Amino acid sequence: SQRRLIECLRTGAERFGWNRRIATPAQQ
């Protein structure tokens, strides 16, 4: 009926500053 999962994911990533995450573990 409604499915806006992608918008939730991208909105959250932008608001949280997900782009600052270092993908390799134990680096920060």
PDB file of all heavy atoms in Angstrom:
ATOM      1  N   SER A   1       0.848  -1.194   0.000  1.00  0.00           N
ATOM      2  CA  SER A   1       0.000   0.000   0.000  1.00  0.00           C
ATOM      3  C   SER A   1       0.885   1.246   0.000  1.00  0.00           C
ATOM      4  O   SER A   1       0.599   2.220  -0.704  1.00  0.00           O
ATOM      5  CB  SER A   1      -0.927   0.001   1.212  1.00  0.00           C
ATOM      6  OG  SER A   1      -0.182   0.014   2.426  1.00  0.00           O
ATOM      7  N   GLN A   2       1.926   1.235   0.781  1.00  0.00           N
ATOM      8  CA  GLN A   2       2.965   2.266   0.794  1.00  0.00           C
ATOM      9  C   GLN A   2       4.262   1.579   1.187  1.00  0.00           C
ATOM     10  O   GLN A   2       4.272   0.715   2.076  1.00  0.00           O
ATOM     11  CB  GLN A   2       2.660   3.360   1.828  1.00  0.00           C
ATOM     12  CG  GLN A   2       1.421   4.181   1.571  1.00  0.00           C
ATOM     13  CD  GLN A   2       1.701   5.353   0.633  1.00  0.00           C
ATOM     14  OE1 GLN A   2       2.840   5.579   0.232  1.00  0.00           O
ATOM     15  NE2 GLN A   2       0.665   6.085   0.289  1.00  0.00           N
ATOM     16  N   ARG A   3       5.347   1.939   0.540  1.00  0.00           N
ATOM     17  CA  ARG A   3       6.650   1.389   0.921  1.00  0.00           C
ATOM     18  C   ARG A   3       7.708   2.424   0.594  1.00  0.00           C
ATOM     19  O   ARG A   3       8.103   2.583  -0.562  1.00  0.00           O
ATOM     20  CB  ARG A   3       6.934   0.067   0.206  1.00  0.00           C
ATOM     21  CG  ARG A   3       8.291  -0.534   0.632  1.00  0.00           C
ATOM     22  CD  ARG A   3       8.592  -1.826  -0.079  1.00  0.00           C
ATOM     23  NE  ARG A   3      10.003  -2.162   0.068  1.00  0.00           N
ATOM     24  CZ  ARG A   3      10.471  -3.217   0.738  1.00  0.00           C
ATOM     25  NH1 ARG A   3       9.631  -4.046   1.335  1.00  0.00           N
ATOM     26  NH2 ARG A   3      11.767  -3.448   0.807  1.00  0.00           N
ATOM     27  N   ARG A   4       8.175   3.130   1.611  1.00  0.00           N
ATOM     28  CA  ARG A   4       9.160   4.192   1.417  1.00  0.00           C
ATOM     29  C   ARG A   4      10.433   3.883   2.193  1.00  0.00           C
ATOM     30  O   ARG A   4      11.040   4.765   2.797  1.00  0.00           O
ATOM     31  CB  ARG A   4       8.550   5.531   1.829  1.00  0.00           C
ATOM     32  CG  ARG A   4       7.331   5.893   0.986  1.00  0.00           C
ATOM     33  CD  ARG A   4       6.587   7.107   1.512  1.00  0.00           C
ATOM     34  NE  ARG A   4       7.376   8.317   1.371  1.00  0.00           N
ATOM     35  CZ  ARG A   4       7.001   9.507   1.884  1.00  0.00           C
ATOM     36  NH1 ARG A   4       5.870   9.591   2.560  1.00  0.00           N
ATOM     37  NH2 ARG A   4       7.764  10.570   1.732  1.00  0.00           N
ATOM     38  N   LEU A   5      10.838   2.622   2.136  1.00  0.00           N
ATOM     39  CA  LEU A   5      12.047   2.215   2.846  1.00  0.00           C
ATOM     40  C   LEU A   5      13.263   2.949   2.316  1.00  0.00           C
ATOM     41  O   LEU A   5      14.113   3.409   3.088  1.00  0.00           O
ATOM     42  CB  LEU A   5      12.234   0.703   2.728  1.00  0.00           C
ATOM     43  CG  LEU A   5      13.534   0.142   3.326  1.00  0.00           C
ATOM     44  CD1 LEU A   5      13.638   0.446   4.806  1.00  0.00           C
ATOM     45  CD2 LEU A   5      13.647  -1.355   3.063  1.00  0.00           C
ATOM     46  N   ILE A   6      13.377   3.076   1.000  1.00  0.00           N
ATOM     47  CA  ILE A   6      14.557   3.744   0.436  1.00  0.00           C
ATOM     48  C   ILE A   6      14.646   5.178   0.933  1.00  0.00           C
ATOM     49  O   ILE A   6      15.732   5.661   1.296  1.00  0.00           O
ATOM     50  CB  ILE A   6      14.507   3.698  -1.108  1.00  0.00           C
ATOM     51  CG1 ILE A   6      14.725   2.269  -1.598  1.00  0.00           C
ATOM     52  CG2 ILE A   6      15.558   4.633  -1.710  1.00  0.00           C
ATOM     53  CD1 ILE A   6      14.640   2.117  -3.106  1.00  0.00           C
ATOM     54  N   GLU A   7      13.518   5.863   0.992  1.00  0.00           N
ATOM     55  CA  GLU A   7      13.540   7.247   1.474  1.00  0.00           C
ATOM     56  C   GLU A   7      13.950   7.308   2.941  1.00  0.00           C
ATOM     57  O   GLU A   7      14.681   8.214   3.356  1.00  0.00           O
ATOM     58  CB  GLU A   7      12.165   7.880   1.282  1.00  0.00           C
ATOM     59  CG  GLU A   7      12.146   9.367   1.548  1.00  0.00           C
ATOM     60  CD  GLU A   7      10.823  10.015   1.191  1.00  0.00           C
ATOM     61  OE1 GLU A   7      10.001   9.362   0.508  1.00  0.00           O
ATOM     62  OE2 GLU A   7      10.608  11.173   1.597  1.00  0.00           O
ATOM     63  N   CYS A   8      13.502   6.334   3.731  1.00  0.00           N
ATOM     64  CA  CYS A   8      13.929   6.278   5.132  1.00  0.00           C
ATOM     65  C   CYS A   8      15.440   6.092   5.224  1.00  0.00           C
ATOM     66  O   CYS A   8      16.129   6.773   6.003  1.00  0.00           O
ATOM     67  CB  CYS A   8      13.222   5.142   5.856  1.00  0.00           C
ATOM     68  SG  CYS A   8      11.461   5.357   6.122  1.00  0.00           S
ATOM     69  N   LEU A   9      15.972   5.176   4.435  1.00  0.00           N
ATOM     70  CA  LEU A   9      17.401   4.885   4.466  1.00  0.00           C
ATOM     71  C   LEU A   9      18.228   6.093   4.062  1.00  0.00           C
ATOM     72  O   LEU A   9      19.200   6.468   4.735  1.00  0.00           O
ATOM     73  CB  LEU A   9      17.711   3.714   3.543  1.00  0.00           C
ATOM     74  CG  LEU A   9      17.132   2.343   3.940  1.00  0.00           C
ATOM     75  CD1 LEU A   9      17.241   1.359   2.784  1.00  0.00           C
ATOM     76  CD2 LEU A   9      17.840   1.798   5.177  1.00  0.00           C
ATOM     77  N   ARG A  10      17.843   6.728   2.978  1.00  0.00           N
ATOM     78  CA  ARG A  10      18.646   7.849   2.475  1.00  0.00           C
ATOM     79  C   ARG A  10      18.474   9.096   3.314  1.00  0.00           C
ATOM     80  O   ARG A  10      19.432   9.859   3.518  1.00  0.00           O
ATOM     81  CB  ARG A  10      18.296   8.088   1.009  1.00  0.00           C
ATOM     82  CG  ARG A  10      18.862   6.970   0.120  1.00  0.00           C
ATOM     83  CD  ARG A  10      18.600   7.174  -1.343  1.00  0.00           C
ATOM     84  NE  ARG A  10      19.417   6.241  -2.135  1.00  0.00           N
ATOM     85  CZ  ARG A  10      19.134   5.842  -3.352  1.00  0.00           C
ATOM     86  NH1 ARG A  10      18.041   6.291  -3.958  1.00  0.00           N
ATOM     87  NH2 ARG A  10      19.929   4.997  -3.991  1.00  0.00           N
ATOM     88  N   THR A  11      17.277   9.324   3.811  1.00  0.00           N
ATOM     89  CA  THR A  11      17.069  10.462   4.706  1.00  0.00           C
ATOM     90  C   THR A  11      17.899  10.293   5.967  1.00  0.00           C
ATOM     91  O   THR A  11      18.551  11.229   6.438  1.00  0.00           O
ATOM     92  CB  THR A  11      15.577  10.601   5.064  1.00  0.00           C
ATOM     93  OG1 THR A  11      14.825  10.807   3.874  1.00  0.00           O
ATOM     94  CG2 THR A  11      15.343  11.759   6.029  1.00  0.00           C
ATOM     95  N   GLY A  12      17.875   9.083   6.529  1.00  0.00           N
ATOM     96  CA  GLY A  12      18.652   8.823   7.732  1.00  0.00           C
ATOM     97  C   GLY A  12      20.140   8.948   7.509  1.00  0.00           C
ATOM     98  O   GLY A  12      20.862   9.505   8.347  1.00  0.00           O
ATOM     99  N   ALA A  13      20.611   8.416   6.397  1.00  0.00           N
ATOM    100  CA  ALA A  13      22.045   8.490   6.100  1.00  0.00           C
ATOM    101  C   ALA A  13      22.512   9.933   5.997  1.00  0.00           C
ATOM    102  O   ALA A  13      23.574  10.305   6.521  1.00  0.00           O
ATOM    103  CB  ALA A  13      22.341   7.734   4.808  1.00  0.00           C
ATOM    104  N   GLU A  14      21.705  10.760   5.341  1.00  0.00           N
ATOM    105  CA  GLU A  14      22.087  12.167   5.196  1.00  0.00           C
ATOM    106  C   GLU A  14      22.061  12.887   6.536  1.00  0.00           C
ATOM    107  O   GLU A  14      22.989  13.624   6.882  1.00  0.00           O
ATOM    108  CB  GLU A  14      21.140  12.854   4.215  1.00  0.00           C
ATOM    109  CG  GLU A  14      21.466  14.326   3.987  1.00  0.00           C
ATOM    110  CD  GLU A  14      20.525  14.977   2.985  1.00  0.00           C
ATOM    111  OE1 GLU A  14      19.617  14.301   2.470  1.00  0.00           O
ATOM    112  OE2 GLU A  14      20.690  16.194   2.739  1.00  0.00           O
ATOM    113  N   ARG A  15      20.987  12.680   7.300  1.00  0.00           N
ATOM    114  CA  ARG A  15      20.861  13.387   8.576  1.00  0.00           C
ATOM    115  C   ARG A  15      21.914  12.937   9.580  1.00  0.00           C
ATOM    116  O   ARG A  15      22.398  13.735  10.385  1.00  0.00           O
ATOM    117  CB  ARG A  15      19.458  13.161   9.146  1.00  0.00           C
ATOM    118  CG  ARG A  15      19.197  13.853  10.482  1.00  0.00           C
ATOM    119  CD  ARG A  15      19.130  15.366  10.345  1.00  0.00           C
ATOM    120  NE  ARG A  15      17.970  15.748   9.564  1.00  0.00           N
ATOM    121  CZ  ARG A  15      16.781  16.029  10.104  1.00  0.00           C
ATOM    122  NH1 ARG A  15      16.592  15.954  11.403  1.00  0.00           N
ATOM    123  NH2 ARG A  15      15.772  16.396   9.326  1.00  0.00           N
ATOM    124  N   PHE A  16      22.274  11.659   9.559  1.00  0.00           N
ATOM    125  CA  PHE A  16      23.189  11.110  10.550  1.00  0.00           C
ATOM    126  C   PHE A  16      24.654  11.382  10.222  1.00  0.00           C
ATOM    127  O   PHE A  16      25.517  11.238  11.076  1.00  0.00           O
ATOM    128  CB  PHE A  16      22.965   9.603  10.664  1.00  0.00           C
ATOM    129  CG  PHE A  16      23.494   8.992  11.933  1.00  0.00           C
ATOM    130  CD1 PHE A  16      22.884   9.258  13.147  1.00  0.00           C
ATOM    131  CD2 PHE A  16      24.582   8.127  11.910  1.00  0.00           C
ATOM    132  CE1 PHE A  16      23.352   8.683  14.325  1.00  0.00           C
ATOM    133  CE2 PHE A  16      25.060   7.546  13.079  1.00  0.00           C
ATOM    134  CZ  PHE A  16      24.439   7.824  14.295  1.00  0.00           C
ATOM    135  N   GLY A  17      24.919  11.784   8.987  1.00  0.00           N
ATOM    136  CA  GLY A  17      26.309  11.929   8.578  1.00  0.00           C
ATOM    137  C   GLY A  17      26.964  10.595   8.294  1.00  0.00           C
ATOM    138  O   GLY A  17      28.138  10.369   8.604  1.00  0.00           O
ATOM    139  N   TRP A  18      26.205   9.694   7.674  1.00  0.00           N
ATOM    140  CA  TRP A  18      26.695   8.350   7.373  1.00  0.00           C
ATOM    141  C   TRP A  18      27.910   8.374   6.452  1.00  0.00           C
ATOM    142  O   TRP A  18      28.752   7.455   6.487  1.00  0.00           O
ATOM    143  CB  TRP A  18      25.558   7.550   6.760  1.00  0.00           C
ATOM    144  CG  TRP A  18      25.844   6.112   6.478  1.00  0.00           C
ATOM    145  CD1 TRP A  18      26.035   5.543   5.256  1.00  0.00           C
ATOM    146  CD2 TRP A  18      25.946   5.043   7.424  1.00  0.00           C
ATOM    147  NE1 TRP A  18      26.246   4.192   5.375  1.00  0.00           N
ATOM    148  CE2 TRP A  18      26.201   3.850   6.703  1.00  0.00           C
ATOM    149  CE3 TRP A  18      25.848   4.969   8.810  1.00  0.00           C
ATOM    150  CZ2 TRP A  18      26.358   2.614   7.316  1.00  0.00           C
ATOM    151  CZ3 TRP A  18      26.013   3.728   9.435  1.00  0.00           C
ATOM    152  CH2 TRP A  18      26.257   2.583   8.682  1.00  0.00           C
ATOM    153  N   ASN A  19      28.044   9.408   5.645  1.00  0.00           N
ATOM    154  CA  ASN A  19      29.169   9.484   4.714  1.00  0.00           C
ATOM    155  C   ASN A  19      30.509   9.620   5.435  1.00  0.00           C
ATOM    156  O   ASN A  19      31.565   9.421   4.838  1.00  0.00           O
ATOM    157  CB  ASN A  19      28.969  10.636   3.720  1.00  0.00           C
ATOM    158  CG  ASN A  19      28.906  11.995   4.403  1.00  0.00           C
ATOM    159  OD1 ASN A  19      28.549  12.097   5.575  1.00  0.00           O
ATOM    160  ND2 ASN A  19      29.246  13.038   3.672  1.00  0.00           N
ATOM    161  N   ARG A  20      30.474   9.961   6.722  1.00  0.00           N
ATOM    162  CA  ARG A  20      31.715  10.069   7.501  1.00  0.00           C
ATOM    163  C   ARG A  20      32.143   8.728   8.090  1.00  0.00           C
ATOM    164  O   ARG A  20      33.212   8.631   8.689  1.00  0.00           O
ATOM    165  CB  ARG A  20      31.535  11.089   8.630  1.00  0.00           C
ATOM    166  CG  ARG A  20      31.248  12.504   8.136  1.00  0.00           C
ATOM    167  CD  ARG A  20      31.422  13.527   9.237  1.00  0.00           C
ATOM    168  NE  ARG A  20      30.505  13.313  10.358  1.00  0.00           N
ATOM    169  CZ  ARG A  20      29.283  13.813  10.435  1.00  0.00           C
ATOM    170  NH1 ARG A  20      28.812  14.555   9.433  1.00  0.00           N
ATOM    171  NH2 ARG A  20      28.525  13.586  11.484  1.00  0.00           N
ATOM    172  N   ARG A  21      31.324   7.707   7.928  1.00  0.00           N
ATOM    173  CA  ARG A  21      31.655   6.382   8.452  1.00  0.00           C
ATOM    174  C   ARG A  21      32.828   5.799   7.676  1.00  0.00           C
ATOM    175  O   ARG A  21      32.889   5.850   6.450  1.00  0.00           O
ATOM    176  CB  ARG A  21      30.441   5.461   8.325  1.00  0.00           C
ATOM    177  CG  ARG A  21      30.709   3.980   8.593  1.00  0.00           C
ATOM    178  CD  ARG A  21      29.438   3.198   8.362  1.00  0.00           C
ATOM    179  NE  ARG A  21      29.595   1.762   8.465  1.00  0.00           N
ATOM    180  CZ  ARG A  21      29.894   0.947   7.467  1.00  0.00           C
ATOM    181  NH1 ARG A  21      30.065   1.457   6.249  1.00  0.00           N
ATOM    182  NH2 ARG A  21      30.010  -0.353   7.656  1.00  0.00           N
ATOM    183  N   ILE A  22      33.760   5.207   8.407  1.00  0.00           N
ATOM    184  CA  ILE A  22      34.885   4.499   7.794  1.00  0.00           C
ATOM    185  C   ILE A  22      34.479   3.035   7.669  1.00  0.00           C
ATOM    186  O   ILE A  22      34.193   2.366   8.669  1.00  0.00           O
ATOM    187  CB  ILE A  22      36.157   4.647   8.637  1.00  0.00           C
ATOM    188  CG1 ILE A  22      36.528   6.134   8.767  1.00  0.00           C
ATOM    189  CG2 ILE A  22      37.303   3.857   8.020  1.00  0.00           C
ATOM    190  CD1 ILE A  22      37.689   6.390   9.719  1.00  0.00           C
ATOM    191  N   ALA A  23      34.440   2.532   6.448  1.00  0.00           N
ATOM    192  CA  ALA A  23      33.915   1.189   6.218  1.00  0.00           C
ATOM    193  C   ALA A  23      34.773   0.112   6.860  1.00  0.00           C
ATOM    194  O   ALA A  23      34.254  -0.886   7.374  1.00  0.00           O
ATOM    195  CB  ALA A  23      33.782   0.938   4.715  1.00  0.00           C
ATOM    196  N   THR A  24      36.086   0.295   6.849  1.00  0.00           N
ATOM    197  CA  THR A  24      36.974  -0.700   7.459  1.00  0.00           C
ATOM    198  C   THR A  24      36.847  -0.627   8.972  1.00  0.00           C
ATOM    199  O   THR A  24      36.986   0.452   9.555  1.00  0.00           O
ATOM    200  CB  THR A  24      38.431  -0.444   7.051  1.00  0.00           C
ATOM    201  OG1 THR A  24      38.518  -0.436   5.626  1.00  0.00           O
ATOM    202  CG2 THR A  24      39.348  -1.511   7.632  1.00  0.00           C
ATOM    203  N   PRO A  25      36.581  -1.749   9.637  1.00  0.00           N
ATOM    204  CA  PRO A  25      36.363  -1.705  11.085  1.00  0.00           C
ATOM    205  C   PRO A  25      37.613  -1.298  11.858  1.00  0.00           C
ATOM    206  O   PRO A  25      38.750  -1.422  11.382  1.00  0.00           O
ATOM    207  CB  PRO A  25      35.959  -3.152  11.421  1.00  0.00           C
ATOM    208  CG  PRO A  25      35.508  -3.750  10.141  1.00  0.00           C
ATOM    209  CD  PRO A  25      36.314  -3.075   9.076  1.00  0.00           C
ATOM    210  N   ALA A  26      37.377  -0.782  13.073  1.00  0.00           N
ATOM    211  CA  ALA A  26      38.418  -0.482  14.066  1.00  0.00           C
ATOM    212  C   ALA A  26      39.420   0.559  13.579  1.00  0.00           C
ATOM    213  O   ALA A  26      40.600   0.486  13.906  1.00  0.00           O
ATOM    214  CB  ALA A  26      39.138  -1.773  14.481  1.00  0.00           C
ATOM    215  N   GLN A  27      38.949   1.546  12.824  1.00  0.00           N
ATOM    216  CA  GLN A  27      39.843   2.569  12.276  1.00  0.00           C
ATOM    217  C   GLN A  27      39.656   3.947  12.895  1.00  0.00           C
ATOM    218  O   GLN A  27      40.472   4.829  12.680  1.00  0.00           O
ATOM    219  CB  GLN A  27      39.625   2.677  10.758  1.00  0.00           C
ATOM    220  CG  GLN A  27      39.950   1.421   9.994  1.00  0.00           C
ATOM    221  CD  GLN A  27      41.389   0.991  10.203  1.00  0.00           C
ATOM    222  OE1 GLN A  27      42.335   1.748   9.949  1.00  0.00           O
ATOM    223  NE2 GLN A  27      41.567  -0.236  10.675  1.00  0.00           N
ATOM    224  N   GLN A  28      38.587   4.128  13.658  1.00  0.00           N
ATOM    225  CA  GLN A  28      38.319   5.465  14.189  1.00  0.00           C
ATOM    226  C   GLN A  28      38.425   5.443  15.705  1.00  0.00           C
ATOM    227  O   GLN A  28      37.831   4.606  16.376  1.00  0.00           O
ATOM    228  CB  GLN A  28      36.930   5.948  13.775  1.00  0.00           C
ATOM    229  CG  GLN A  28      36.643   7.392  14.204  1.00  0.00           C
ATOM    230  CD  GLN A  28      35.311   7.893  13.664  1.00  0.00           C
ATOM    231  OE1 GLN A  28      34.665   7.220  12.878  1.00  0.00           O
ATOM    232  NE2 GLN A  28      34.915   9.079  14.088  1.00  0.00           N
TER     233      GLN A  28
END
